[in-house]
Protein backbone atom coordinates (compact mmCIF):
# COMPACT_ATOMS: atom_id res chain seq x y z
CA UNK A 1 111.36 126.31 100.23
CA UNK A 2 112.57 124.47 97.20
CA UNK A 3 116.19 124.96 96.38
CA UNK A 4 117.93 124.80 93.01
CA UNK A 5 116.39 123.54 89.72
CA UNK A 6 112.75 122.19 89.92
CA UNK A 7 112.53 118.51 89.41
CA UNK A 8 109.25 118.59 87.64
CA UNK A 9 107.59 121.01 85.20
CA UNK A 10 104.25 122.60 85.57
CA UNK A 11 102.97 120.36 82.74
CA UNK A 12 104.20 117.20 84.39
CA UNK A 13 102.32 118.04 87.70
CA UNK A 14 99.18 118.97 85.79
CA UNK A 15 99.31 115.77 83.78
CA UNK A 16 99.83 113.79 86.97
CA UNK A 17 96.78 115.30 88.58
CA UNK A 18 94.73 114.57 85.30
CA UNK A 19 95.97 110.98 85.37
CA UNK A 20 95.49 110.25 89.01
CA UNK A 21 92.01 111.66 89.21
CA UNK A 22 90.86 108.85 86.81
CA UNK A 23 92.06 106.23 89.34
CA UNK A 24 89.56 103.98 90.99
CA UNK A 25 88.31 104.60 94.50
CA UNK A 26 88.17 107.72 96.79
CA UNK A 27 89.84 110.97 95.67
CA UNK A 28 90.66 111.86 99.25
CA UNK A 29 94.33 111.05 98.74
CA UNK A 30 94.89 112.79 95.46
CA UNK A 31 98.08 114.39 96.72
CA UNK A 32 99.39 110.97 97.76
CA UNK A 33 98.44 109.45 94.46
CA UNK A 34 100.22 112.23 92.54
CA UNK A 35 103.32 111.79 94.76
CA UNK A 36 103.41 108.00 94.11
CA UNK A 37 102.77 108.59 90.41
CA UNK A 38 105.84 111.04 90.26
CA UNK A 39 107.96 109.17 92.78
CA UNK A 40 108.22 112.13 95.28
CA UNK A 41 106.79 112.99 98.61
CA UNK A 42 103.38 114.55 99.38
CA UNK A 43 105.21 117.65 100.66
CA UNK A 44 106.85 118.14 97.27
CA UNK A 45 103.50 117.99 95.56
CA UNK A 46 102.12 120.57 98.13
CA UNK A 47 105.22 122.81 97.45
CA UNK A 48 104.35 122.81 93.81
CA UNK A 49 100.69 123.54 94.44
CA UNK A 50 101.67 126.55 96.64
CA UNK A 51 104.20 127.74 94.09
CA UNK A 52 102.19 127.60 90.89
CA UNK A 53 98.72 129.13 90.39
CA UNK A 54 97.98 126.80 87.43
CA UNK A 55 98.82 123.76 89.38
CA UNK A 56 96.66 124.98 92.37
CA UNK A 57 93.73 125.55 89.87
CA UNK A 58 93.92 121.96 88.57
CA UNK A 59 94.30 120.60 92.08
CA UNK A 60 91.19 122.54 93.25
CA UNK A 61 89.22 121.46 90.07
CA UNK A 62 90.08 117.77 90.75
CA UNK A 63 88.99 118.15 94.45
CA UNK A 64 85.75 120.06 93.55
CA UNK A 65 84.88 117.56 90.89
CA UNK A 66 84.95 114.76 93.37
CA UNK A 67 83.00 116.66 96.02
CA UNK A 68 86.01 117.62 98.18
CA UNK A 69 86.04 121.47 98.71
CA UNK A 70 87.83 123.77 101.06
CA UNK A 71 85.58 125.27 103.65
CA UNK A 72 84.22 128.76 102.80
CA UNK A 73 84.95 131.74 104.99
CA UNK A 74 81.50 131.35 106.44
CA UNK A 75 81.99 127.74 107.37
CA UNK A 76 85.28 128.56 109.11
CA UNK A 77 83.68 131.28 111.03
CA UNK A 78 81.12 128.84 112.21
CA UNK A 79 83.68 126.27 113.16
CA UNK A 80 85.60 128.97 115.15
CA UNK A 81 82.48 130.07 116.99
CA UNK A 82 81.63 126.43 117.81
CA UNK A 83 85.15 125.92 119.22
CA UNK A 84 84.98 129.03 121.27
CA UNK A 85 81.58 127.98 122.75
CA UNK A 86 83.03 124.56 123.57
CA UNK A 87 86.17 126.10 125.19
CA UNK A 88 84.01 128.28 127.37
CA UNK A 89 81.98 125.29 128.48
CA UNK A 90 85.21 123.64 129.49
CA UNK A 91 86.54 126.55 131.35
């Protein structure tokens, strides 16, 4: 949990995501790029994403625009079933 006054504003984080998405190369490390841009840790960026719905929306939009999406509920269910089956075979 973050203690005390927040170091960055919502607008600063949103601008950082918008500026970093324009960077060359893979967008897999967008959180790392934002952290380097702001001079903080990846955990700090994740804390802001978890704290603010607006920042989360921008983060997801950047990820989605570059083909990186969170698994859907159906995908997670399939993964869980596959893992169960693999565990059964091992036991």
